[in-house]
Amino acid sequence: MTSVSESSDYILDLRTPVAKTPAGSAPARKSKPAKTSGSEAGGTAVKQPQKPWLAVHWRCCHTYSRIYKNRDGTAYLGRCPACGKAVRANIGPGGVNNRFFQAY
């Protein structure tokens, strides 16, 4: 049996070249430009419509994800991100207004 440290699939070289700096000083950082919204930059900000979703706590694998409305608009469909277990929440009269659910 091969341990994780012996397997070449798990060996990562995370070293990066270190820039030489004068003694006692920190390396210079690149500054990022300030973020501006479309309206501040002279244009008009366009918001993308958000796709309807429900929050699901997957009790089977103790994970969380969102599930999204199908194209027909008749149900919310999704799968557990860990094990792939499927869930369907139908949309229709007599439903609930909750946005957070648990799947077993």
PDB file of N, CA and C in Angstrom:
ATOM      1  N   MET A   1       0.847  -1.179   0.000  1.00  0.00           N
ATOM      2  CA  MET A   1       0.000   0.000   0.000  1.00  0.00           C
ATOM      3  C   MET A   1       0.890   1.240   0.000  1.00  0.00           C
ATOM      4  N   THR A   2       0.539   2.200  -0.812  1.00  0.00           N
ATOM      5  CA  THR A   2       1.314   3.423  -0.944  1.00  0.00           C
ATOM      6  C   THR A   2       0.708   4.507  -0.066  1.00  0.00           C
ATOM      7  N   SER A   3       1.548   5.185   0.680  1.00  0.00           N
ATOM      8  CA  SER A   3       1.038   6.287   1.494  1.00  0.00           C
ATOM      9  C   SER A   3       0.915   7.539   0.634  1.00  0.00           C
ATOM     10  N   VAL A   4       0.199   8.515   1.136  1.00  0.00           N
ATOM     11  CA  VAL A   4      -0.019   9.750   0.396  1.00  0.00           C
ATOM     12  C   VAL A   4       1.308  10.419   0.067  1.00  0.00           C
ATOM     13  N   SER A   5       2.258  10.381   0.998  1.00  0.00           N
ATOM     14  CA  SER A   5       3.527  11.056   0.769  1.00  0.00           C
ATOM     15  C   SER A   5       4.374  10.348  -0.280  1.00  0.00           C
ATOM     16  N   GLU A   6       4.138   9.051  -0.521  1.00  0.00           N
ATOM     17  CA  GLU A   6       4.911   8.303  -1.500  1.00  0.00           C
ATOM     18  C   GLU A   6       4.298   8.355  -2.894  1.00  0.00           C
ATOM     19  N   SER A   7       3.027   8.672  -2.999  1.00  0.00           N
ATOM     20  CA  SER A   7       2.344   8.676  -4.275  1.00  0.00           C
ATOM     21  C   SER A   7       2.691   9.943  -5.051  1.00  0.00           C
ATOM     22  N   SER A   8       3.130   9.783  -6.300  1.00  0.00           N
ATOM     23  CA  SER A   8       3.502  10.948  -7.099  1.00  0.00           C
ATOM     24  C   SER A   8       2.285  11.785  -7.476  1.00  0.00           C
ATOM     25  N   ASP A   9       1.075  11.235  -7.379  1.00  0.00           N
ATOM     26  CA  ASP A   9      -0.118  11.995  -7.696  1.00  0.00           C
ATOM     27  C   ASP A   9      -0.386  13.119  -6.696  1.00  0.00           C
ATOM     28  N   TYR A  10       0.168  13.005  -5.515  1.00  0.00           N
ATOM     29  CA  TYR A  10      -0.121  13.970  -4.467  1.00  0.00           C
ATOM     30  C   TYR A  10       1.041  14.904  -4.169  1.00  0.00           C
ATOM     31  N   ILE A  11       2.120  14.821  -4.922  1.00  0.00           N
ATOM     32  CA  ILE A  11       3.267  15.674  -4.665  1.00  0.00           C
ATOM     33  C   ILE A  11       3.094  16.981  -5.429  1.00  0.00           C
ATOM     34  N   LEU A  12       3.095  18.071  -4.716  1.00  0.00           N
ATOM     35  CA  LEU A  12       2.959  19.390  -5.310  1.00  0.00           C
ATOM     36  C   LEU A  12       4.193  20.211  -4.978  1.00  0.00           C
ATOM     37  N   ASP A  13       4.694  20.940  -5.945  1.00  0.00           N
ATOM     38  CA  ASP A  13       5.807  21.839  -5.701  1.00  0.00           C
ATOM     39  C   ASP A  13       5.237  23.243  -5.588  1.00  0.00           C
ATOM     40  N   LEU A  14       5.100  23.739  -4.376  1.00  0.00           N
ATOM     41  CA  LEU A  14       4.491  25.037  -4.127  1.00  0.00           C
ATOM     42  C   LEU A  14       5.535  26.138  -3.949  1.00  0.00           C
ATOM     43  N   ARG A  15       6.775  25.807  -4.214  1.00  0.00           N
ATOM     44  CA  ARG A  15       7.828  26.811  -4.074  1.00  0.00           C
ATOM     45  C   ARG A  15       7.737  27.819  -5.212  1.00  0.00           C
ATOM     46  N   THR A  16       7.964  29.066  -4.900  1.00  0.00           N
ATOM     47  CA  THR A  16       8.029  30.108  -5.910  1.00  0.00           C
ATOM     48  C   THR A  16       9.353  30.809  -5.758  1.00  0.00           C
ATOM     49  N   PRO A  17       9.884  31.349  -6.837  1.00  0.00           N
ATOM     50  CA  PRO A  17      11.152  32.065  -6.700  1.00  0.00           C
ATOM     51  C   PRO A  17      10.983  33.260  -5.775  1.00  0.00           C
ATOM     52  N   VAL A  18      11.944  33.456  -4.910  1.00  0.00           N
ATOM     53  CA  VAL A  18      11.899  34.551  -3.955  1.00  0.00           C
ATOM     54  C   VAL A  18      12.731  35.699  -4.512  1.00  0.00           C
ATOM     55  N   ALA A  19      12.108  36.862  -4.622  1.00  0.00           N
ATOM     56  CA  ALA A  19      12.823  38.041  -5.107  1.00  0.00           C
ATOM     57  C   ALA A  19      13.747  38.542  -4.016  1.00  0.00           C
ATOM     58  N   LYS A  20      14.949  38.921  -4.414  1.00  0.00           N
ATOM     59  CA  LYS A  20      15.904  39.445  -3.440  1.00  0.00           C
ATOM     60  C   LYS A  20      15.535  40.879  -3.097  1.00  0.00           C
ATOM     61  N   THR A  21      15.444  41.151  -1.807  1.00  0.00           N
ATOM     62  CA  THR A  21      15.123  42.490  -1.332  1.00  0.00           C
ATOM     63  C   THR A  21      16.214  42.928  -0.375  1.00  0.00           C
ATOM     64  N   PRO A  22      16.368  44.227  -0.191  1.00  0.00           N
ATOM     65  CA  PRO A  22      17.351  44.691   0.791  1.00  0.00           C
ATOM     66  C   PRO A  22      17.019  44.136   2.169  1.00  0.00           C
ATOM     67  N   ALA A  23      18.054  43.889   2.952  1.00  0.00           N
ATOM     68  CA  ALA A  23      17.869  43.311   4.282  1.00  0.00           C
ATOM     69  C   ALA A  23      16.907  44.149   5.110  1.00  0.00           C
ATOM     70  N   GLY A  24      15.947  43.471   5.748  1.00  0.00           N
ATOM     71  CA  GLY A  24      15.016  44.137   6.645  1.00  0.00           C
ATOM     72  C   GLY A  24      13.812  44.757   5.962  1.00  0.00           C
ATOM     73  N   SER A  25      13.702  44.673   4.639  1.00  0.00           N
ATOM     74  CA  SER A  25      12.531  45.252   3.976  1.00  0.00           C
ATOM     75  C   SER A  25      11.665  44.145   3.398  1.00  0.00           C
ATOM     76  N   ALA A  26      10.403  44.415   3.298  1.00  0.00           N
ATOM     77  CA  ALA A  26       9.462  43.446   2.750  1.00  0.00           C
ATOM     78  C   ALA A  26       9.453  43.567   1.229  1.00  0.00           C
ATOM     79  N   PRO A  27       9.163  42.463   0.524  1.00  0.00           N
ATOM     80  CA  PRO A  27       9.086  42.553  -0.933  1.00  0.00           C
ATOM     81  C   PRO A  27       7.935  43.467  -1.351  1.00  0.00           C
ATOM     82  N   ALA A  28       8.123  44.162  -2.457  1.00  0.00           N
ATOM     83  CA  ALA A  28       7.092  45.078  -2.955  1.00  0.00           C
ATOM     84  C   ALA A  28       5.895  44.285  -3.450  1.00  0.00           C
ATOM     85  N   ARG A  29       4.702  44.798  -3.212  1.00  0.00           N
ATOM     86  CA  ARG A  29       3.480  44.161  -3.684  1.00  0.00           C
ATOM     87  C   ARG A  29       2.918  44.959  -4.836  1.00  0.00           C
ATOM     88  N   LYS A  30       2.323  44.240  -5.763  1.00  0.00           N
ATOM     89  CA  LYS A  30       1.654  44.917  -6.861  1.00  0.00           C
ATOM     90  C   LYS A  30       0.314  45.416  -6.353  1.00  0.00           C
ATOM     91  N   SER A  31      -0.020  46.660  -6.669  1.00  0.00           N
ATOM     92  CA  SER A  31      -1.301  47.193  -6.227  1.00  0.00           C
ATOM     93  C   SER A  31      -2.356  46.909  -7.288  1.00  0.00           C
ATOM     94  N   LYS A  32      -3.551  46.637  -6.836  1.00  0.00           N
ATOM     95  CA  LYS A  32      -4.670  46.381  -7.737  1.00  0.00           C
ATOM     96  C   LYS A  32      -5.446  47.669  -7.924  1.00  0.00           C
ATOM     97  N   PRO A  33      -5.959  47.902  -9.124  1.00  0.00           N
ATOM     98  CA  PRO A  33      -6.768  49.102  -9.316  1.00  0.00           C
ATOM     99  C   PRO A  33      -8.054  49.005  -8.506  1.00  0.00           C
ATOM    100  N   ALA A  34      -8.554  50.147  -8.056  1.00  0.00           N
ATOM    101  CA  ALA A  34      -9.787  50.175  -7.275  1.00  0.00           C
ATOM    102  C   ALA A  34     -10.949  49.738  -8.148  1.00  0.00           C
ATOM    103  N   LYS A  35     -11.840  48.959  -7.562  1.00  0.00           N
ATOM    104  CA  LYS A  35     -13.011  48.496  -8.300  1.00  0.00           C
ATOM    105  C   LYS A  35     -14.049  49.608  -8.347  1.00  0.00           C
ATOM    106  N   THR A  36     -14.621  49.790  -9.505  1.00  0.00           N
ATOM    107  CA  THR A  36     -15.689  50.772  -9.645  1.00  0.00           C
ATOM    108  C   THR A  36     -16.873  50.108 -10.310  1.00  0.00           C
ATOM    109  N   SER A  37     -18.043  50.545  -9.961  1.00  0.00           N
ATOM    110  CA  SER A  37     -19.233  50.001 -10.605  1.00  0.00           C
ATOM    111  C   SER A  37     -19.402  50.662 -11.952  1.00  0.00           C
ATOM    112  N   GLY A  38     -20.252  50.120 -12.782  1.00  0.00           N
ATOM    113  CA  GLY A  38     -20.471  50.658 -14.111  1.00  0.00           C
ATOM    114  C   GLY A  38     -20.917  52.104 -14.085  1.00  0.00           C
ATOM    115  N   SER A  39     -21.769  52.481 -13.112  1.00  0.00           N
ATOM    116  CA  SER A  39     -22.266  53.848 -13.079  1.00  0.00           C
ATOM    117  C   SER A  39     -21.164  54.813 -12.643  1.00  0.00           C
ATOM    118  N   GLU A  40     -20.267  54.389 -11.759  1.00  0.00           N
ATOM    119  CA  GLU A  40     -19.181  55.255 -11.316  1.00  0.00           C
ATOM    120  C   GLU A  40     -18.145  55.429 -12.417  1.00  0.00           C
ATOM    121  N   ALA A  41     -18.020  54.436 -13.303  1.00  0.00           N
ATOM    122  CA  ALA A  41     -17.026  54.505 -14.358  1.00  0.00           C
ATOM    123  C   ALA A  41     -17.561  55.239 -15.582  1.00  0.00           C
ATOM    124  N   GLY A  42     -18.763  55.812 -15.502  1.00  0.00           N
ATOM    125  CA  GLY A  42     -19.310  56.565 -16.607  1.00  0.00           C
ATOM    126  C   GLY A  42     -20.335  55.792 -17.409  1.00  0.00           C
ATOM    127  N   GLY A  43     -20.470  54.491 -17.168  1.00  0.00           N
ATOM    128  CA  GLY A  43     -21.452  53.681 -17.883  1.00  0.00           C
ATOM    129  C   GLY A  43     -22.652  53.417 -17.003  1.00  0.00           C
ATOM    130  N   THR A  44     -23.483  52.514 -17.430  1.00  0.00           N
ATOM    131  CA  THR A  44     -24.623  52.128 -16.610  1.00  0.00           C
ATOM    132  C   THR A  44     -24.407  50.707 -16.131  1.00  0.00           C
ATOM    133  N   ALA A  45     -24.614  50.487 -14.857  1.00  0.00           N
ATOM    134  CA  ALA A  45     -24.438  49.161 -14.285  1.00  0.00           C
ATOM    135  C   ALA A  45     -25.619  48.285 -14.679  1.00  0.00           C
ATOM    136  N   VAL A  46     -25.319  47.103 -15.174  1.00  0.00           N
ATOM    137  CA  VAL A  46     -26.361  46.168 -15.570  1.00  0.00           C
ATOM    138  C   VAL A  46     -26.275  44.969 -14.641  1.00  0.00           C
ATOM    139  N   LYS A  47     -27.331  44.720 -13.902  1.00  0.00           N
ATOM    140  CA  LYS A  47     -27.365  43.566 -13.008  1.00  0.00           C
ATOM    141  C   LYS A  47     -27.888  42.360 -13.755  1.00  0.00           C
ATOM    142  N   GLN A  48     -27.205  41.257 -13.582  1.00  0.00           N
ATOM    143  CA  GLN A  48     -27.664  40.006 -14.160  1.00  0.00           C
ATOM    144  C   GLN A  48     -28.823  39.493 -13.309  1.00  0.00           C
ATOM    145  N   PRO A  49     -29.883  39.003 -13.927  1.00  0.00           N
ATOM    146  CA  PRO A  49     -30.970  38.437 -13.126  1.00  0.00           C
ATOM    147  C   PRO A  49     -30.475  37.173 -12.430  1.00  0.00           C
ATOM    148  N   GLN A  50     -30.818  37.047 -11.162  1.00  0.00           N
ATOM    149  CA  GLN A  50     -30.382  35.873 -10.422  1.00  0.00           C
ATOM    150  C   GLN A  50     -31.309  34.715 -10.711  1.00  0.00           C
ATOM    151  N   LYS A  51     -30.716  33.547 -10.872  1.00  0.00           N
ATOM    152  CA  LYS A  51     -31.493  32.342 -11.108  1.00  0.00           C
ATOM    153  C   LYS A  51     -32.110  31.893  -9.779  1.00  0.00           C
ATOM    154  N   PRO A  52     -33.403  31.576  -9.756  1.00  0.00           N
ATOM    155  CA  PRO A  52     -34.056  31.163  -8.508  1.00  0.00           C
ATOM    156  C   PRO A  52     -33.410  29.896  -7.927  1.00  0.00           C
ATOM    157  N   TRP A  53     -33.227  29.877  -6.605  1.00  0.00           N
ATOM    158  CA  TRP A  53     -32.574  28.745  -5.957  1.00  0.00           C
ATOM    159  C   TRP A  53     -33.187  28.476  -4.592  1.00  0.00           C
ATOM    160  N   LEU A  54     -32.911  27.274  -4.098  1.00  0.00           N
ATOM    161  CA  LEU A  54     -33.245  26.867  -2.732  1.00  0.00           C
ATOM    162  C   LEU A  54     -31.950  26.400  -2.080  1.00  0.00           C
ATOM    163  N   ALA A  55     -31.804  26.639  -0.790  1.00  0.00           N
ATOM    164  CA  ALA A  55     -30.641  26.168  -0.046  1.00  0.00           C
ATOM    165  C   ALA A  55     -30.962  24.791   0.521  1.00  0.00           C
ATOM    166  N   VAL A  56     -30.021  23.862   0.381  1.00  0.00           N
ATOM    167  CA  VAL A  56     -30.231  22.498   0.876  1.00  0.00           C
ATOM    168  C   VAL A  56     -29.057  22.084   1.754  1.00  0.00           C
ATOM    169  N   HIS A  57     -29.376  21.607   2.962  1.00  0.00           N
ATOM    170  CA  HIS A  57     -28.379  20.972   3.819  1.00  0.00           C
ATOM    171  C   HIS A  57     -28.513  19.480   3.585  1.00  0.00           C
ATOM    172  N   TRP A  58     -27.493  18.874   3.003  1.00  0.00           N
ATOM    173  CA  TRP A  58     -27.495  17.440   2.670  1.00  0.00           C
ATOM    174  C   TRP A  58     -27.054  16.672   3.903  1.00  0.00           C
ATOM    175  N   ARG A  59     -28.006  16.099   4.604  1.00  0.00           N
ATOM    176  CA  ARG A  59     -27.711  15.363   5.839  1.00  0.00           C
ATOM    177  C   ARG A  59     -26.906  14.099   5.563  1.00  0.00           C
ATOM    178  N   CYS A  60     -27.026  13.551   4.364  1.00  0.00           N
ATOM    179  CA  CYS A  60     -26.309  12.319   4.020  1.00  0.00           C
ATOM    180  C   CYS A  60     -24.795  12.514   4.109  1.00  0.00           C
ATOM    181  N   CYS A  61     -24.304  13.664   3.708  1.00  0.00           N
ATOM    182  CA  CYS A  61     -22.853  13.913   3.671  1.00  0.00           C
ATOM    183  C   CYS A  61     -22.441  15.163   4.436  1.00  0.00           C
ATOM    184  N   HIS A  62     -23.380  15.757   5.178  1.00  0.00           N
ATOM    185  CA  HIS A  62     -23.115  16.951   5.983  1.00  0.00           C
ATOM    186  C   HIS A  62     -22.517  18.076   5.128  1.00  0.00           C
ATOM    187  N   THR A  63     -23.152  18.340   3.992  1.00  0.00           N
ATOM    188  CA  THR A  63     -22.708  19.409   3.104  1.00  0.00           C
ATOM    189  C   THR A  63     -23.876  20.342   2.816  1.00  0.00           C
ATOM    190  N   TYR A  64     -23.578  21.458   2.177  1.00  0.00           N
ATOM    191  CA  TYR A  64     -24.577  22.463   1.838  1.00  0.00           C
ATOM    192  C   TYR A  64     -24.403  22.834   0.372  1.00  0.00           C
ATOM    193  N   SER A  65     -25.502  23.058  -0.305  1.00  0.00           N
ATOM    194  CA  SER A  65     -25.437  23.573  -1.677  1.00  0.00           C
ATOM    195  C   SER A  65     -26.762  24.242  -2.018  1.00  0.00           C
ATOM    196  N   ARG A  66     -26.792  24.822  -3.192  1.00  0.00           N
ATOM    197  CA  ARG A  66     -28.030  25.382  -3.715  1.00  0.00           C
ATOM    198  C   ARG A  66     -28.554  24.468  -4.803  1.00  0.00           C
ATOM    199  N   ILE A  67     -29.873  24.426  -4.943  1.00  0.00           N
ATOM    200  CA  ILE A  67     -30.482  23.743  -6.080  1.00  0.00           C
ATOM    201  C   ILE A  67     -31.266  24.794  -6.845  1.00  0.00           C
ATOM    202  N   TYR A  68     -31.333  24.624  -8.159  1.00  0.00           N
ATOM    203  CA  TYR A  68     -31.905  25.673  -9.007  1.00  0.00           C
ATOM    204  C   TYR A  68     -33.161  25.197  -9.726  1.00  0.00           C
ATOM    205  N   LYS A  69     -33.994  26.157 -10.094  1.00  0.00           N
ATOM    206  CA  LYS A  69     -35.249  25.896 -10.796  1.00  0.00           C
ATOM    207  C   LYS A  69     -34.938  25.330 -12.180  1.00  0.00           C
ATOM    208  N   ASN A  70     -35.724  24.330 -12.607  1.00  0.00           N
ATOM    209  CA  ASN A  70     -35.526  23.753 -13.939  1.00  0.00           C
ATOM    210  C   ASN A  70     -36.036  24.713 -15.007  1.00  0.00           C
ATOM    211  N   ARG A  71     -35.755  24.391 -16.268  1.00  0.00           N
ATOM    212  CA  ARG A  71     -36.124  25.292 -17.373  1.00  0.00           C
ATOM    213  C   ARG A  71     -37.628  25.464 -17.514  1.00  0.00           C
ATOM    214  N   ASP A  72     -38.376  24.418 -17.194  1.00  0.00           N
ATOM    215  CA  ASP A  72     -39.840  24.494 -17.296  1.00  0.00           C
ATOM    216  C   ASP A  72     -40.455  25.317 -16.170  1.00  0.00           C
ATOM    217  N   GLY A  73     -39.696  25.537 -15.083  1.00  0.00           N
ATOM    218  CA  GLY A  73     -40.215  26.285 -13.946  1.00  0.00           C
ATOM    219  C   GLY A  73     -41.171  25.479 -13.097  1.00  0.00           C
ATOM    220  N   THR A  74     -41.113  24.138 -13.196  1.00  0.00           N
ATOM    221  CA  THR A  74     -42.040  23.277 -12.458  1.00  0.00           C
ATOM    222  C   THR A  74     -41.443  22.697 -11.190  1.00  0.00           C
ATOM    223  N   ALA A  75     -40.105  22.758 -11.036  1.00  0.00           N
ATOM    224  CA  ALA A  75     -39.460  22.149  -9.869  1.00  0.00           C
ATOM    225  C   ALA A  75     -38.042  22.688  -9.701  1.00  0.00           C
ATOM    226  N   TYR A  76     -37.529  22.523  -8.489  1.00  0.00           N
ATOM    227  CA  TYR A  76     -36.117  22.784  -8.207  1.00  0.00           C
ATOM    228  C   TYR A  76     -35.432  21.426  -8.197  1.00  0.00           C
ATOM    229  N   LEU A  77     -34.315  21.298  -8.922  1.00  0.00           N
ATOM    230  CA  LEU A  77     -33.604  20.032  -9.031  1.00  0.00           C
ATOM    231  C   LEU A  77     -32.159  20.209  -8.584  1.00  0.00           C
ATOM    232  N   GLY A  78     -31.616  19.186  -7.937  1.00  0.00           N
ATOM    233  CA  GLY A  78     -30.217  19.246  -7.536  1.00  0.00           C
ATOM    234  C   GLY A  78     -29.717  17.907  -7.060  1.00  0.00           C
ATOM    235  N   ARG A  79     -28.404  17.844  -6.848  1.00  0.00           N
ATOM    236  CA  ARG A  79     -27.734  16.637  -6.369  1.00  0.00           C
ATOM    237  C   ARG A  79     -26.764  17.002  -5.258  1.00  0.00           C
ATOM    238  N   CYS A  80     -26.574  16.069  -4.337  1.00  0.00           N
ATOM    239  CA  CYS A  80     -25.597  16.251  -3.267  1.00  0.00           C
ATOM    240  C   CYS A  80     -24.222  16.397  -3.909  1.00  0.00           C
ATOM    241  N   PRO A  81     -23.464  17.420  -3.518  1.00  0.00           N
ATOM    242  CA  PRO A  81     -22.151  17.609  -4.129  1.00  0.00           C
ATOM    243  C   PRO A  81     -21.148  16.521  -3.757  1.00  0.00           C
ATOM    244  N   ALA A  82     -21.411  15.770  -2.700  1.00  0.00           N
ATOM    245  CA  ALA A  82     -20.473  14.740  -2.277  1.00  0.00           C
ATOM    246  C   ALA A  82     -20.817  13.353  -2.825  1.00  0.00           C
ATOM    247  N   CYS A  83     -22.079  12.922  -2.684  1.00  0.00           N
ATOM    248  CA  CYS A  83     -22.430  11.550  -3.085  1.00  0.00           C
ATOM    249  C   CYS A  83     -23.320  11.480  -4.320  1.00  0.00           C
ATOM    250  N   GLY A  84     -23.890  12.600  -4.741  1.00  0.00           N
ATOM    251  CA  GLY A  84     -24.698  12.618  -5.952  1.00  0.00           C
ATOM    252  C   GLY A  84     -26.159  12.275  -5.759  1.00  0.00           C
ATOM    253  N   LYS A  85     -26.608  12.127  -4.521  1.00  0.00           N
ATOM    254  CA  LYS A  85     -28.015  11.829  -4.258  1.00  0.00           C
ATOM    255  C   LYS A  85     -28.889  12.951  -4.810  1.00  0.00           C
ATOM    256  N   ALA A  86     -29.940  12.585  -5.536  1.00  0.00           N
ATOM    257  CA  ALA A  86     -30.798  13.574  -6.205  1.00  0.00           C
ATOM    258  C   ALA A  86     -31.952  14.011  -5.311  1.00  0.00           C
ATOM    259  N   VAL A  87     -32.395  15.261  -5.532  1.00  0.00           N
ATOM    260  CA  VAL A  87     -33.568  15.780  -4.834  1.00  0.00           C
ATOM    261  C   VAL A  87     -34.368  16.615  -5.826  1.00  0.00           C
ATOM    262  N   ARG A  88     -35.683  16.604  -5.637  1.00  0.00           N
ATOM    263  CA  ARG A  88     -36.594  17.385  -6.477  1.00  0.00           C
ATOM    264  C   ARG A  88     -37.608  18.038  -5.556  1.00  0.00           C
ATOM    265  N   ALA A  89     -37.772  19.353  -5.696  1.00  0.00           N
ATOM    266  CA  ALA A  89     -38.784  20.084  -4.932  1.00  0.00           C
ATOM    267  C   ALA A  89     -39.757  20.671  -5.943  1.00  0.00           C
ATOM    268  N   ASN A  90     -40.960  20.108  -5.996  1.00  0.00           N
ATOM    269  CA  ASN A  90     -41.963  20.558  -6.961  1.00  0.00           C
ATOM    270  C   ASN A  90     -42.494  21.941  -6.607  1.00  0.00           C
ATOM    271  N   ILE A  91     -42.868  22.687  -7.641  1.00  0.00           N
ATOM    272  CA  ILE A  91     -43.444  24.016  -7.478  1.00  0.00           C
ATOM    273  C   ILE A  91     -44.917  23.932  -7.851  1.00  0.00           C
ATOM    274  N   GLY A  92     -45.786  24.434  -6.983  1.00  0.00           N
ATOM    275  CA  GLY A  92     -47.202  24.376  -7.302  1.00  0.00           C
ATOM    276  C   GLY A  92     -48.050  24.911  -6.173  1.00  0.00           C
ATOM    277  N   PRO A  93     -49.359  24.885  -6.355  1.00  0.00           N
ATOM    278  CA  PRO A  93     -50.260  25.376  -5.309  1.00  0.00           C
ATOM    279  C   PRO A  93     -50.135  24.524  -4.048  1.00  0.00           C
ATOM    280  N   GLY A  94     -50.306  25.165  -2.906  1.00  0.00           N
ATOM    281  CA  GLY A  94     -50.212  24.445  -1.636  1.00  0.00           C
ATOM    282  C   GLY A  94     -48.784  24.280  -1.158  1.00  0.00           C
ATOM    283  N   GLY A  95     -47.831  24.943  -1.797  1.00  0.00           N
ATOM    284  CA  GLY A  95     -46.425  24.841  -1.420  1.00  0.00           C
ATOM    285  C   GLY A  95     -46.091  25.707  -0.220  1.00  0.00           C
ATOM    286  N   VAL A  96     -44.818  25.832   0.074  1.00  0.00           N
ATOM    287  CA  VAL A  96     -44.351  26.629   1.204  1.00  0.00           C
ATOM    288  C   VAL A  96     -43.462  27.756   0.684  1.00  0.00           C
ATOM    289  N   ASN A  97     -43.254  28.762   1.508  1.00  0.00           N
ATOM    290  CA  ASN A  97     -42.414  29.891   1.139  1.00  0.00           C
ATOM    291  C   ASN A  97     -40.989  29.770   1.657  1.00  0.00           C
ATOM    292  N   ASN A  98     -40.629  28.637   2.239  1.00  0.00           N
ATOM    293  CA  ASN A  98     -39.283  28.448   2.787  1.00  0.00           C
ATOM    294  C   ASN A  98     -38.245  28.428   1.670  1.00  0.00           C
ATOM    295  N   ARG A  99     -37.043  28.885   1.988  1.00  0.00           N
ATOM    296  CA  ARG A  99     -35.934  28.859   1.040  1.00  0.00           C
ATOM    297  C   ARG A  99     -34.844  27.897   1.492  1.00  0.00           C
ATOM    298  N   PHE A 100     -34.914  27.381   2.722  1.00  0.00           N
ATOM    299  CA  PHE A 100     -33.893  26.496   3.275  1.00  0.00           C
ATOM    300  C   PHE A 100     -34.511  25.161   3.649  1.00  0.00           C
ATOM    301  N   PHE A 101     -33.869  24.075   3.198  1.00  0.00           N
ATOM    302  CA  PHE A 101     -34.402  22.737   3.412  1.00  0.00           C
ATOM    303  C   PHE A 101     -33.294  21.777   3.806  1.00  0.00           C
ATOM    304  N   GLN A 102     -33.712  20.614   4.344  1.00  0.00           N
ATOM    305  CA  GLN A 102     -32.782  19.532   4.639  1.00  0.00           C
ATOM    306  C   GLN A 102     -33.156  18.336   3.803  1.00  0.00           C
ATOM    307  N   ALA A 103     -32.158  17.684   3.206  1.00  0.00           N
ATOM    308  CA  ALA A 103     -32.379  16.458   2.434  1.00  0.00           C
ATOM    309  C   ALA A 103     -31.703  15.323   3.178  1.00  0.00           C
ATOM    310  N   TYR A 104     -32.421  14.217   3.348  1.00  0.00           N
ATOM    311  CA  TYR A 104     -31.886  13.067   4.090  1.00  0.00           C
ATOM    312  C   TYR A 104     -31.381  12.006   3.159  1.00  0.00           C
TER     313      TYR A 104
END
